[in-house]
Every structure is written in structure tokens, then in C-alpha cells.
Amino acid sequence: MVKKSLPVVHWNIRASQALKKAYDHIIKESYSNAELVKKGIIGIVDSIPEHPEKYPLDKYRKNNPGNYRAFEAYSYRVAYKHTEREIRILRLRHVKQEPKEY
């Protein structure tokens, strides 16, 4: 029996920069909260390859073919695209920011 390999996680540069910016903002108030948010979001992202369809369809994606999904954690919304081989983290935005369709 051939074991199917899990998709690999890749972060878009903008999503990675947004996570760093969020971390830098939170750390001004609390180092431990900044670490909690960063590790929490990365932990969730790292678990996506096991069940890429676990989270709901991304309601802000125009003409979503069904492989664009999103989740919210620690007041941040993370959007991603999944294929058989890859999980692409597309964006990370605070939930209080005006949502953007893409």
C-alpha cells in the first residue's frame, strides 16, 4: 500500500510579513501574548495539511472554486489555498480590518 504524502505549507511573502507585523505590534504590550499568538497561528497552519478542508470556504474569495478556505484565531483571519501538493497561506488580517475581496 502506497502512503499518500501530505501537502507542503508555503507562506506568501505578504502573509509572512503580516504575521511579523502583528507580532511586532503585540510585543509592545506583552511578550508572552505575542508568542502565544504567533505560535498558535503557526500551529494551526501546520495542522492544515492533515485535513485541508477542515475550515470553511473563504467567503471573501470571488468565484471560489472550493479550494480557498479561511479560519480565525486570536482575532486574526488567515486565508489559504489548498491543492493536493501544497497549502499556500495567502493572507493574514486582523478581524477588525475592513475585509477585502480577492
PDB file of N, CA and C in Angstrom:
ATOM      1  N   MET A   1       0.844  -1.183   0.000  1.00  0.00           N
ATOM      2  CA  MET A   1       0.000   0.000   0.000  1.00  0.00           C
ATOM      3  C   MET A   1       0.883   1.237   0.000  1.00  0.00           C
ATOM      4  N   VAL A   2       0.626   2.147  -0.911  1.00  0.00           N
ATOM      5  CA  VAL A   2       1.403   3.375  -1.024  1.00  0.00           C
ATOM      6  C   VAL A   2       0.770   4.445  -0.145  1.00  0.00           C
ATOM      7  N   LYS A   3       1.592   5.041   0.697  1.00  0.00           N
ATOM      8  CA  LYS A   3       1.097   6.094   1.587  1.00  0.00           C
ATOM      9  C   LYS A   3       1.150   7.432   0.853  1.00  0.00           C
ATOM     10  N   LYS A   4       0.043   8.134   0.864  1.00  0.00           N
ATOM     11  CA  LYS A   4      -0.059   9.433   0.200  1.00  0.00           C
ATOM     12  C   LYS A   4       0.671  10.483   1.041  1.00  0.00           C
ATOM     13  N   SER A   5       1.505  11.283   0.385  1.00  0.00           N
ATOM     14  CA  SER A   5       2.236  12.314   1.127  1.00  0.00           C
ATOM     15  C   SER A   5       1.339  13.531   1.357  1.00  0.00           C
ATOM     16  N   LEU A   6       1.585  14.202   2.460  1.00  0.00           N
ATOM     17  CA  LEU A   6       0.800  15.382   2.817  1.00  0.00           C
ATOM     18  C   LEU A   6       1.280  16.590   2.021  1.00  0.00           C
ATOM     19  N   PRO A   7       0.386  17.543   1.770  1.00  0.00           N
ATOM     20  CA  PRO A   7       0.809  18.772   1.081  1.00  0.00           C
ATOM     21  C   PRO A   7       1.803  19.559   1.941  1.00  0.00           C
ATOM     22  N   VAL A   8       2.637  20.331   1.279  1.00  0.00           N
ATOM     23  CA  VAL A   8       3.646  21.164   1.943  1.00  0.00           C
ATOM     24  C   VAL A   8       3.062  22.552   2.156  1.00  0.00           C
ATOM     25  N   VAL A   9       3.349  23.164   3.299  1.00  0.00           N
ATOM     26  CA  VAL A   9       2.864  24.512   3.606  1.00  0.00           C
ATOM     27  C   VAL A   9       3.874  25.543   3.114  1.00  0.00           C
ATOM     28  N   HIS A  10       3.374  26.535   2.374  1.00  0.00           N
ATOM     29  CA  HIS A  10       4.184  27.671   1.920  1.00  0.00           C
ATOM     30  C   HIS A  10       3.448  28.956   2.287  1.00  0.00           C
ATOM     31  N   TRP A  11       4.183  29.921   2.808  1.00  0.00           N
ATOM     32  CA  TRP A  11       3.615  31.225   3.154  1.00  0.00           C
ATOM     33  C   TRP A  11       3.935  32.221   2.040  1.00  0.00           C
ATOM     34  N   ASN A  12       2.929  32.966   1.564  1.00  0.00           N
ATOM     35  CA  ASN A  12       3.204  34.094   0.676  1.00  0.00           C
ATOM     36  C   ASN A  12       3.980  35.137   1.471  1.00  0.00           C
ATOM     37  N   ILE A  13       4.767  35.913   0.784  1.00  0.00           N
ATOM     38  CA  ILE A  13       5.580  36.937   1.462  1.00  0.00           C
ATOM     39  C   ILE A  13       4.689  37.907   2.232  1.00  0.00           C
ATOM     40  N   ARG A  14       3.588  38.338   1.636  1.00  0.00           N
ATOM     41  CA  ARG A  14       2.704  39.299   2.318  1.00  0.00           C
ATOM     42  C   ARG A  14       2.100  38.713   3.588  1.00  0.00           C
ATOM     43  N   ALA A  15       1.736  37.446   3.550  1.00  0.00           N
ATOM     44  CA  ALA A  15       1.163  36.797   4.741  1.00  0.00           C
ATOM     45  C   ALA A  15       2.220  36.671   5.832  1.00  0.00           C
ATOM     46  N   SER A  16       3.422  36.309   5.437  1.00  0.00           N
ATOM     47  CA  SER A  16       4.525  36.193   6.398  1.00  0.00           C
ATOM     48  C   SER A  16       4.848  37.545   7.029  1.00  0.00           C
ATOM     49  N   GLN A  17       4.872  38.577   6.203  1.00  0.00           N
ATOM     50  CA  GLN A  17       5.134  39.932   6.713  1.00  0.00           C
ATOM     51  C   GLN A  17       4.009  40.398   7.630  1.00  0.00           C
ATOM     52  N   ALA A  18       2.774  40.035   7.315  1.00  0.00           N
ATOM     53  CA  ALA A  18       1.636  40.418   8.159  1.00  0.00           C
ATOM     54  C   ALA A  18       1.726  39.751   9.527  1.00  0.00           C
ATOM     55  N   LEU A  19       2.173  38.499   9.569  1.00  0.00           N
ATOM     56  CA  LEU A  19       2.339  37.817  10.853  1.00  0.00           C
ATOM     57  C   LEU A  19       3.431  38.496  11.677  1.00  0.00           C
ATOM     58  N   LYS A  20       4.526  38.866  11.024  1.00  0.00           N
ATOM     59  CA  LYS A  20       5.611  39.559  11.731  1.00  0.00           C
ATOM     60  C   LYS A  20       5.146  40.923  12.241  1.00  0.00           C
ATOM     61  N   LYS A  21       4.386  41.630  11.423  1.00  0.00           N
ATOM     62  CA  LYS A  21       3.870  42.939  11.828  1.00  0.00           C
ATOM     63  C   LYS A  21       2.926  42.802  13.025  1.00  0.00           C
ATOM     64  N   ALA A  22       2.066  41.785  13.005  1.00  0.00           N
ATOM     65  CA  ALA A  22       1.156  41.541  14.129  1.00  0.00           C
ATOM     66  C   ALA A  22       1.954  41.221  15.388  1.00  0.00           C
ATOM     67  N   TYR A  23       2.962  40.369  15.245  1.00  0.00           N
ATOM     68  CA  TYR A  23       3.826  40.003  16.372  1.00  0.00           C
ATOM     69  C   TYR A  23       4.506  41.257  16.942  1.00  0.00           C
ATOM     70  N   ASP A  24       5.071  42.074  16.057  1.00  0.00           N
ATOM     71  CA  ASP A  24       5.764  43.300  16.493  1.00  0.00           C
ATOM     72  C   ASP A  24       4.813  44.258  17.202  1.00  0.00           C
ATOM     73  N   HIS A  25       3.571  44.303  16.769  1.00  0.00           N
ATOM     74  CA  HIS A  25       2.588  45.181  17.406  1.00  0.00           C
ATOM     75  C   HIS A  25       2.209  44.656  18.798  1.00  0.00           C
ATOM     76  N   ILE A  26       1.966  43.362  18.894  1.00  0.00           N
ATOM     77  CA  ILE A  26       1.545  42.767  20.166  1.00  0.00           C
ATOM     78  C   ILE A  26       2.674  42.792  21.188  1.00  0.00           C
ATOM     79  N   ILE A  27       3.907  42.604  20.743  1.00  0.00           N
ATOM     80  CA  ILE A  27       5.039  42.511  21.673  1.00  0.00           C
ATOM     81  C   ILE A  27       5.274  43.832  22.418  1.00  0.00           C
ATOM     82  N   LYS A  28       4.790  44.934  21.864  1.00  0.00           N
ATOM     83  CA  LYS A  28       4.921  46.229  22.545  1.00  0.00           C
ATOM     84  C   LYS A  28       4.192  46.219  23.888  1.00  0.00           C
ATOM     85  N   GLU A  29       3.109  45.435  23.947  1.00  0.00           N
ATOM     86  CA  GLU A  29       2.313  45.332  25.175  1.00  0.00           C
ATOM     87  C   GLU A  29       2.674  44.110  26.006  1.00  0.00           C
ATOM     88  N   SER A  30       2.942  42.982  25.314  1.00  0.00           N
ATOM     89  CA  SER A  30       3.164  41.749  26.050  1.00  0.00           C
ATOM     90  C   SER A  30       3.946  40.742  25.213  1.00  0.00           C
ATOM     91  N   TYR A  31       5.137  40.396  25.690  1.00  0.00           N
ATOM     92  CA  TYR A  31       5.951  39.401  25.007  1.00  0.00           C
ATOM     93  C   TYR A  31       5.243  38.051  24.984  1.00  0.00           C
ATOM     94  N   SER A  32       4.670  37.659  26.114  1.00  0.00           N
ATOM     95  CA  SER A  32       4.033  36.339  26.189  1.00  0.00           C
ATOM     96  C   SER A  32       2.810  36.244  25.273  1.00  0.00           C
ATOM     97  N   ASN A  33       2.027  37.316  25.161  1.00  0.00           N
ATOM     98  CA  ASN A  33       0.882  37.302  24.253  1.00  0.00           C
ATOM     99  C   ASN A  33       1.337  37.242  22.800  1.00  0.00           C
ATOM    100  N   ALA A  34       2.404  37.953  22.483  1.00  0.00           N
ATOM    101  CA  ALA A  34       2.933  37.932  21.118  1.00  0.00           C
ATOM    102  C   ALA A  34       3.371  36.516  20.746  1.00  0.00           C
ATOM    103  N   GLU A  35       4.048  35.841  21.667  1.00  0.00           N
ATOM    104  CA  GLU A  35       4.490  34.468  21.425  1.00  0.00           C
ATOM    105  C   GLU A  35       3.292  33.530  21.297  1.00  0.00           C
ATOM    106  N   LEU A  36       2.291  33.722  22.145  1.00  0.00           N
ATOM    107  CA  LEU A  36       1.088  32.894  22.120  1.00  0.00           C
ATOM    108  C   LEU A  36       0.384  32.996  20.766  1.00  0.00           C
ATOM    109  N   VAL A  37       0.207  34.211  20.285  1.00  0.00           N
ATOM    110  CA  VAL A  37      -0.472  34.426  19.010  1.00  0.00           C
ATOM    111  C   VAL A  37       0.338  33.827  17.861  1.00  0.00           C
ATOM    112  N   LYS A  38       1.628  34.121  17.828  1.00  0.00           N
ATOM    113  CA  LYS A  38       2.479  33.620  16.740  1.00  0.00           C
ATOM    114  C   LYS A  38       2.500  32.087  16.725  1.00  0.00           C
ATOM    115  N   LYS A  39       2.783  31.492  17.874  1.00  0.00           N
ATOM    116  CA  LYS A  39       2.858  30.032  17.938  1.00  0.00           C
ATOM    117  C   LYS A  39       1.491  29.389  17.687  1.00  0.00           C
ATOM    118  N   GLY A  40       0.443  30.031  18.159  1.00  0.00           N
ATOM    119  CA  GLY A  40      -0.901  29.493  17.957  1.00  0.00           C
ATOM    120  C   GLY A  40      -1.289  29.466  16.487  1.00  0.00           C
ATOM    121  N   ILE A  41      -1.060  30.571  15.786  1.00  0.00           N
ATOM    122  CA  ILE A  41      -1.398  30.638  14.363  1.00  0.00           C
ATOM    123  C   ILE A  41      -0.530  29.670  13.563  1.00  0.00           C
ATOM    124  N   ILE A  42       0.764  29.646  13.841  1.00  0.00           N
ATOM    125  CA  ILE A  42       1.655  28.726  13.124  1.00  0.00           C
ATOM    126  C   ILE A  42       1.267  27.273  13.405  1.00  0.00           C
ATOM    127  N   GLY A  43       0.875  26.983  14.631  1.00  0.00           N
ATOM    128  CA  GLY A  43       0.446  25.626  14.971  1.00  0.00           C
ATOM    129  C   GLY A  43      -0.789  25.202  14.192  1.00  0.00           C
ATOM    130  N   ILE A  44      -1.751  26.101  14.069  1.00  0.00           N
ATOM    131  CA  ILE A  44      -2.956  25.796  13.297  1.00  0.00           C
ATOM    132  C   ILE A  44      -2.596  25.580  11.825  1.00  0.00           C
ATOM    133  N   VAL A  45      -1.767  26.482  11.292  1.00  0.00           N
ATOM    134  CA  VAL A  45      -1.348  26.363   9.892  1.00  0.00           C
ATOM    135  C   VAL A  45      -0.627  25.035   9.660  1.00  0.00           C
ATOM    136  N   ASP A  46       0.240  24.655  10.578  1.00  0.00           N
ATOM    137  CA  ASP A  46       0.981  23.404  10.425  1.00  0.00           C
ATOM    138  C   ASP A  46       0.080  22.163  10.479  1.00  0.00           C
ATOM    139  N   SER A  47      -1.117  22.308  11.053  1.00  0.00           N
ATOM    140  CA  SER A  47      -2.033  21.160  11.124  1.00  0.00           C
ATOM    141  C   SER A  47      -2.940  21.059   9.894  1.00  0.00           C
ATOM    142  N   ILE A  48      -2.976  22.075   9.064  1.00  0.00           N
ATOM    143  CA  ILE A  48      -3.871  22.081   7.900  1.00  0.00           C
ATOM    144  C   ILE A  48      -3.605  20.934   6.927  1.00  0.00           C
ATOM    145  N   PRO A  49      -2.343  20.581   6.626  1.00  0.00           N
ATOM    146  CA  PRO A  49      -2.126  19.517   5.634  1.00  0.00           C
ATOM    147  C   PRO A  49      -2.821  18.195   5.958  1.00  0.00           C
ATOM    148  N   GLU A  50      -3.039  17.894   7.214  1.00  0.00           N
ATOM    149  CA  GLU A  50      -3.708  16.647   7.578  1.00  0.00           C
ATOM    150  C   GLU A  50      -5.188  16.645   7.180  1.00  0.00           C
ATOM    151  N   HIS A  51      -5.821  17.818   7.237  1.00  0.00           N
ATOM    152  CA  HIS A  51      -7.233  17.964   6.870  1.00  0.00           C
ATOM    153  C   HIS A  51      -7.436  19.336   6.226  1.00  0.00           C
ATOM    154  N   PRO A  52      -7.044  19.514   4.963  1.00  0.00           N
ATOM    155  CA  PRO A  52      -7.106  20.842   4.337  1.00  0.00           C
ATOM    156  C   PRO A  52      -8.509  21.418   4.195  1.00  0.00           C
ATOM    157  N   GLU A  53      -9.531  20.580   4.230  1.00  0.00           N
ATOM    158  CA  GLU A  53     -10.896  21.074   4.077  1.00  0.00           C
ATOM    159  C   GLU A  53     -11.601  21.239   5.424  1.00  0.00           C
ATOM    160  N   LYS A  54     -10.834  21.241   6.485  1.00  0.00           N
ATOM    161  CA  LYS A  54     -11.383  21.355   7.840  1.00  0.00           C
ATOM    162  C   LYS A  54     -12.087  22.699   8.054  1.00  0.00           C
ATOM    163  N   TYR A  55     -11.525  23.750   7.494  1.00  0.00           N
ATOM    164  CA  TYR A  55     -12.061  25.096   7.714  1.00  0.00           C
ATOM    165  C   TYR A  55     -13.018  25.474   6.590  1.00  0.00           C
ATOM    166  N   PRO A  56     -13.925  26.428   6.856  1.00  0.00           N
ATOM    167  CA  PRO A  56     -14.947  26.778   5.862  1.00  0.00           C
ATOM    168  C   PRO A  56     -14.354  27.475   4.635  1.00  0.00           C
ATOM    169  N   LEU A  57     -15.147  27.470   3.566  1.00  0.00           N
ATOM    170  CA  LEU A  57     -14.758  28.185   2.351  1.00  0.00           C
ATOM    171  C   LEU A  57     -14.540  29.654   2.675  1.00  0.00           C
ATOM    172  N   ASP A  58     -13.597  30.264   1.978  1.00  0.00           N
ATOM    173  CA  ASP A  58     -13.301  31.681   2.179  1.00  0.00           C
ATOM    174  C   ASP A  58     -14.402  32.516   1.533  1.00  0.00           C
ATOM    175  N   LYS A  59     -15.221  33.152   2.364  1.00  0.00           N
ATOM    176  CA  LYS A  59     -16.367  33.908   1.848  1.00  0.00           C
ATOM    177  C   LYS A  59     -15.962  35.188   1.125  1.00  0.00           C
ATOM    178  N   TYR A  60     -14.718  35.616   1.252  1.00  0.00           N
ATOM    179  CA  TYR A  60     -14.259  36.830   0.580  1.00  0.00           C
ATOM    180  C   TYR A  60     -13.563  36.544  -0.750  1.00  0.00           C
ATOM    181  N   ARG A  61     -13.431  35.291  -1.101  1.00  0.00           N
ATOM    182  CA  ARG A  61     -12.826  34.917  -2.376  1.00  0.00           C
ATOM    183  C   ARG A  61     -13.898  34.947  -3.455  1.00  0.00           C
ATOM    184  N   LYS A  62     -13.688  35.773  -4.492  1.00  0.00           N
ATOM    185  CA  LYS A  62     -14.623  35.834  -5.611  1.00  0.00           C
ATOM    186  C   LYS A  62     -14.528  34.533  -6.401  1.00  0.00           C
ATOM    187  N   ASN A  63     -15.668  33.996  -6.796  1.00  0.00           N
ATOM    188  CA  ASN A  63     -15.711  32.778  -7.616  1.00  0.00           C
ATOM    189  C   ASN A  63     -14.849  31.666  -7.026  1.00  0.00           C
ATOM    190  N   ASN A  64     -15.042  31.395  -5.771  1.00  0.00           N
ATOM    191  CA  ASN A  64     -14.252  30.379  -5.075  1.00  0.00           C
ATOM    192  C   ASN A  64     -14.542  28.994  -5.658  1.00  0.00           C
ATOM    193  N   PRO A  65     -13.515  28.355  -6.239  1.00  0.00           N
ATOM    194  CA  PRO A  65     -13.737  27.022  -6.801  1.00  0.00           C
ATOM    195  C   PRO A  65     -13.806  25.920  -5.742  1.00  0.00           C
ATOM    196  N   GLY A  66     -13.663  26.273  -4.472  1.00  0.00           N
ATOM    197  CA  GLY A  66     -13.786  25.296  -3.397  1.00  0.00           C
ATOM    198  C   GLY A  66     -12.491  24.954  -2.691  1.00  0.00           C
ATOM    199  N   ASN A  67     -11.379  25.486  -3.162  1.00  0.00           N
ATOM    200  CA  ASN A  67     -10.107  25.186  -2.504  1.00  0.00           C
ATOM    201  C   ASN A  67      -9.502  26.406  -1.807  1.00  0.00           C
ATOM    202  N   TYR A  68     -10.246  27.479  -1.713  1.00  0.00           N
ATOM    203  CA  TYR A  68      -9.821  28.640  -0.933  1.00  0.00           C
ATOM    204  C   TYR A  68     -10.601  28.611   0.370  1.00  0.00           C
ATOM    205  N   ARG A  69      -9.888  28.561   1.474  1.00  0.00           N
ATOM    206  CA  ARG A  69     -10.512  28.436   2.783  1.00  0.00           C
ATOM    207  C   ARG A  69      -9.916  29.454   3.738  1.00  0.00           C
ATOM    208  N   ALA A  70     -10.540  29.616   4.901  1.00  0.00           N
ATOM    209  CA  ALA A  70     -10.053  30.589   5.877  1.00  0.00           C
ATOM    210  C   ALA A  70     -10.465  30.157   7.284  1.00  0.00           C
ATOM    211  N   PHE A  71      -9.675  30.606   8.258  1.00  0.00           N
ATOM    212  CA  PHE A  71     -10.013  30.376   9.662  1.00  0.00           C
ATOM    213  C   PHE A  71      -9.659  31.631  10.447  1.00  0.00           C
ATOM    214  N   GLU A  72     -10.259  31.758  11.615  1.00  0.00           N
ATOM    215  CA  GLU A  72      -9.958  32.876  12.509  1.00  0.00           C
ATOM    216  C   GLU A  72      -9.385  32.319  13.802  1.00  0.00           C
ATOM    217  N   ALA A  73      -8.327  32.986  14.272  1.00  0.00           N
ATOM    218  CA  ALA A  73      -7.696  32.619  15.539  1.00  0.00           C
ATOM    219  C   ALA A  73      -7.033  33.855  16.114  1.00  0.00           C
ATOM    220  N   TYR A  74      -7.197  34.059  17.403  1.00  0.00           N
ATOM    221  CA  TYR A  74      -6.560  35.179  18.105  1.00  0.00           C
ATOM    222  C   TYR A  74      -6.890  36.515  17.435  1.00  0.00           C
ATOM    223  N   SER A  75      -8.093  36.672  16.960  1.00  0.00           N
ATOM    224  CA  SER A  75      -8.572  37.879  16.288  1.00  0.00           C
ATOM    225  C   SER A  75      -7.885  38.144  14.945  1.00  0.00           C
ATOM    226  N   TYR A  76      -7.332  37.114  14.353  1.00  0.00           N
ATOM    227  CA  TYR A  76      -6.731  37.228  13.027  1.00  0.00           C
ATOM    228  C   TYR A  76      -7.415  36.229  12.103  1.00  0.00           C
ATOM    229  N   ARG A  77      -7.578  36.645  10.868  1.00  0.00           N
ATOM    230  CA  ARG A  77      -8.188  35.792   9.853  1.00  0.00           C
ATOM    231  C   ARG A  77      -7.094  35.367   8.884  1.00  0.00           C
ATOM    232  N   VAL A  78      -6.965  34.066   8.688  1.00  0.00           N
ATOM    233  CA  VAL A  78      -5.925  33.511   7.822  1.00  0.00           C
ATOM    234  C   VAL A  78      -6.614  32.822   6.646  1.00  0.00           C
ATOM    235  N   ALA A  79      -6.276  33.254   5.427  1.00  0.00           N
ATOM    236  CA  ALA A  79      -6.828  32.666   4.215  1.00  0.00           C
ATOM    237  C   ALA A  79      -5.761  31.808   3.550  1.00  0.00           C
ATOM    238  N   TYR A  80      -6.192  30.671   3.018  1.00  0.00           N
ATOM    239  CA  TYR A  80      -5.239  29.788   2.352  1.00  0.00           C
ATOM    240  C   TYR A  80      -5.889  29.084   1.164  1.00  0.00           C
ATOM    241  N   LYS A  81      -5.039  28.593   0.272  1.00  0.00           N
ATOM    242  CA  LYS A  81      -5.461  27.811  -0.883  1.00  0.00           C
ATOM    243  C   LYS A  81      -4.837  26.432  -0.746  1.00  0.00           C
ATOM    244  N   HIS A  82      -5.615  25.410  -0.992  1.00  0.00           N
ATOM    245  CA  HIS A  82      -5.041  24.070  -0.891  1.00  0.00           C
ATOM    246  C   HIS A  82      -5.163  23.323  -2.214  1.00  0.00           C
ATOM    247  N   THR A  83      -4.111  22.582  -2.504  1.00  0.00           N
ATOM    248  CA  THR A  83      -4.095  21.655  -3.628  1.00  0.00           C
ATOM    249  C   THR A  83      -3.605  20.320  -3.076  1.00  0.00           C
ATOM    250  N   GLU A  84      -3.486  19.345  -3.933  1.00  0.00           N
ATOM    251  CA  GLU A  84      -3.014  18.039  -3.492  1.00  0.00           C
ATOM    252  C   GLU A  84      -1.587  18.101  -2.952  1.00  0.00           C
ATOM    253  N   ARG A  85      -0.783  18.993  -3.510  1.00  0.00           N
ATOM    254  CA  ARG A  85       0.637  19.064  -3.151  1.00  0.00           C
ATOM    255  C   ARG A  85       1.009  20.215  -2.220  1.00  0.00           C
ATOM    256  N   GLU A  86       0.155  21.237  -2.120  1.00  0.00           N
ATOM    257  CA  GLU A  86       0.573  22.447  -1.422  1.00  0.00           C
ATOM    258  C   GLU A  86      -0.578  23.113  -0.673  1.00  0.00           C
ATOM    259  N   ILE A  87      -0.226  23.697   0.459  1.00  0.00           N
ATOM    260  CA  ILE A  87      -1.103  24.604   1.193  1.00  0.00           C
ATOM    261  C   ILE A  87      -0.417  25.962   1.098  1.00  0.00           C
ATOM    262  N   ARG A  88      -1.059  26.921   0.452  1.00  0.00           N
ATOM    263  CA  ARG A  88      -0.468  28.246   0.271  1.00  0.00           C
ATOM    264  C   ARG A  88      -1.192  29.213   1.190  1.00  0.00           C
ATOM    265  N   ILE A  89      -0.471  29.769   2.178  1.00  0.00           N
ATOM    266  CA  ILE A  89      -1.041  30.773   3.079  1.00  0.00           C
ATOM    267  C   ILE A  89      -1.022  32.092   2.323  1.00  0.00           C
ATOM    268  N   LEU A  90      -2.202  32.641   2.064  1.00  0.00           N
ATOM    269  CA  LEU A  90      -2.328  33.801   1.189  1.00  0.00           C
ATOM    270  C   LEU A  90      -2.304  35.133   1.921  1.00  0.00           C
ATOM    271  N   ARG A  91      -3.019  35.193   3.046  1.00  0.00           N
ATOM    272  CA  ARG A  91      -3.094  36.474   3.762  1.00  0.00           C
ATOM    273  C   ARG A  91      -3.448  36.265   5.216  1.00  0.00           C
ATOM    274  N   LEU A  92      -3.056  37.245   6.005  1.00  0.00           N
ATOM    275  CA  LEU A  92      -3.370  37.269   7.426  1.00  0.00           C
ATOM    276  C   LEU A  92      -3.792  38.698   7.732  1.00  0.00           C
ATOM    277  N   ARG A  93      -4.992  38.861   8.259  1.00  0.00           N
ATOM    278  CA  ARG A  93      -5.515  40.195   8.564  1.00  0.00           C
ATOM    279  C   ARG A  93      -6.232  40.161   9.905  1.00  0.00           C
ATOM    280  N   HIS A  94      -6.153  41.268  10.619  1.00  0.00           N
ATOM    281  CA  HIS A  94      -6.911  41.387  11.863  1.00  0.00           C
ATOM    282  C   HIS A  94      -8.388  41.421  11.516  1.00  0.00           C
ATOM    283  N   VAL A  95      -9.223  40.789  12.322  1.00  0.00           N
ATOM    284  CA  VAL A  95     -10.648  40.692  12.002  1.00  0.00           C
ATOM    285  C   VAL A  95     -11.353  42.044  12.026  1.00  0.00           C
ATOM    286  N   LYS A  96     -10.781  43.032  12.682  1.00  0.00           N
ATOM    287  CA  LYS A  96     -11.407  44.353  12.723  1.00  0.00           C
ATOM    288  C   LYS A  96     -11.056  45.205  11.502  1.00  0.00           C
ATOM    289  N   GLN A  97     -10.137  44.734  10.676  1.00  0.00           N
ATOM    290  CA  GLN A  97      -9.841  45.448   9.445  1.00  0.00           C
ATOM    291  C   GLN A  97     -10.970  45.231   8.460  1.00  0.00           C
ATOM    292  N   GLU A  98     -11.157  46.194   7.586  1.00  0.00           N
ATOM    293  CA  GLU A  98     -12.171  46.077   6.537  1.00  0.00           C
ATOM    294  C   GLU A  98     -11.833  44.866   5.666  1.00  0.00           C
ATOM    295  N   PRO A  99     -12.767  43.938   5.480  1.00  0.00           N
ATOM    296  CA  PRO A  99     -12.454  42.761   4.658  1.00  0.00           C
ATOM    297  C   PRO A  99     -12.224  43.162   3.202  1.00  0.00           C
ATOM    298  N   LYS A 100     -11.313  42.445   2.559  1.00  0.00           N
ATOM    299  CA  LYS A 100     -11.022  42.690   1.149  1.00  0.00           C
ATOM    300  C   LYS A 100     -11.348  41.439   0.357  1.00  0.00           C
ATOM    301  N   GLU A 101     -12.104  41.630  -0.727  1.00  0.00           N
ATOM    302  CA  GLU A 101     -12.325  40.519  -1.631  1.00  0.00           C
ATOM    303  C   GLU A 101     -11.096  40.377  -2.510  1.00  0.00           C
ATOM    304  N   TYR A 102     -10.854  39.196  -2.986  1.00  0.00           N
ATOM    305  CA  TYR A 102      -9.725  38.978  -3.885  1.00  0.00           C
ATOM    306  C   TYR A 102     -10.074  37.914  -4.891  1.00  0.00           C
TER     307      TYR A 102
END
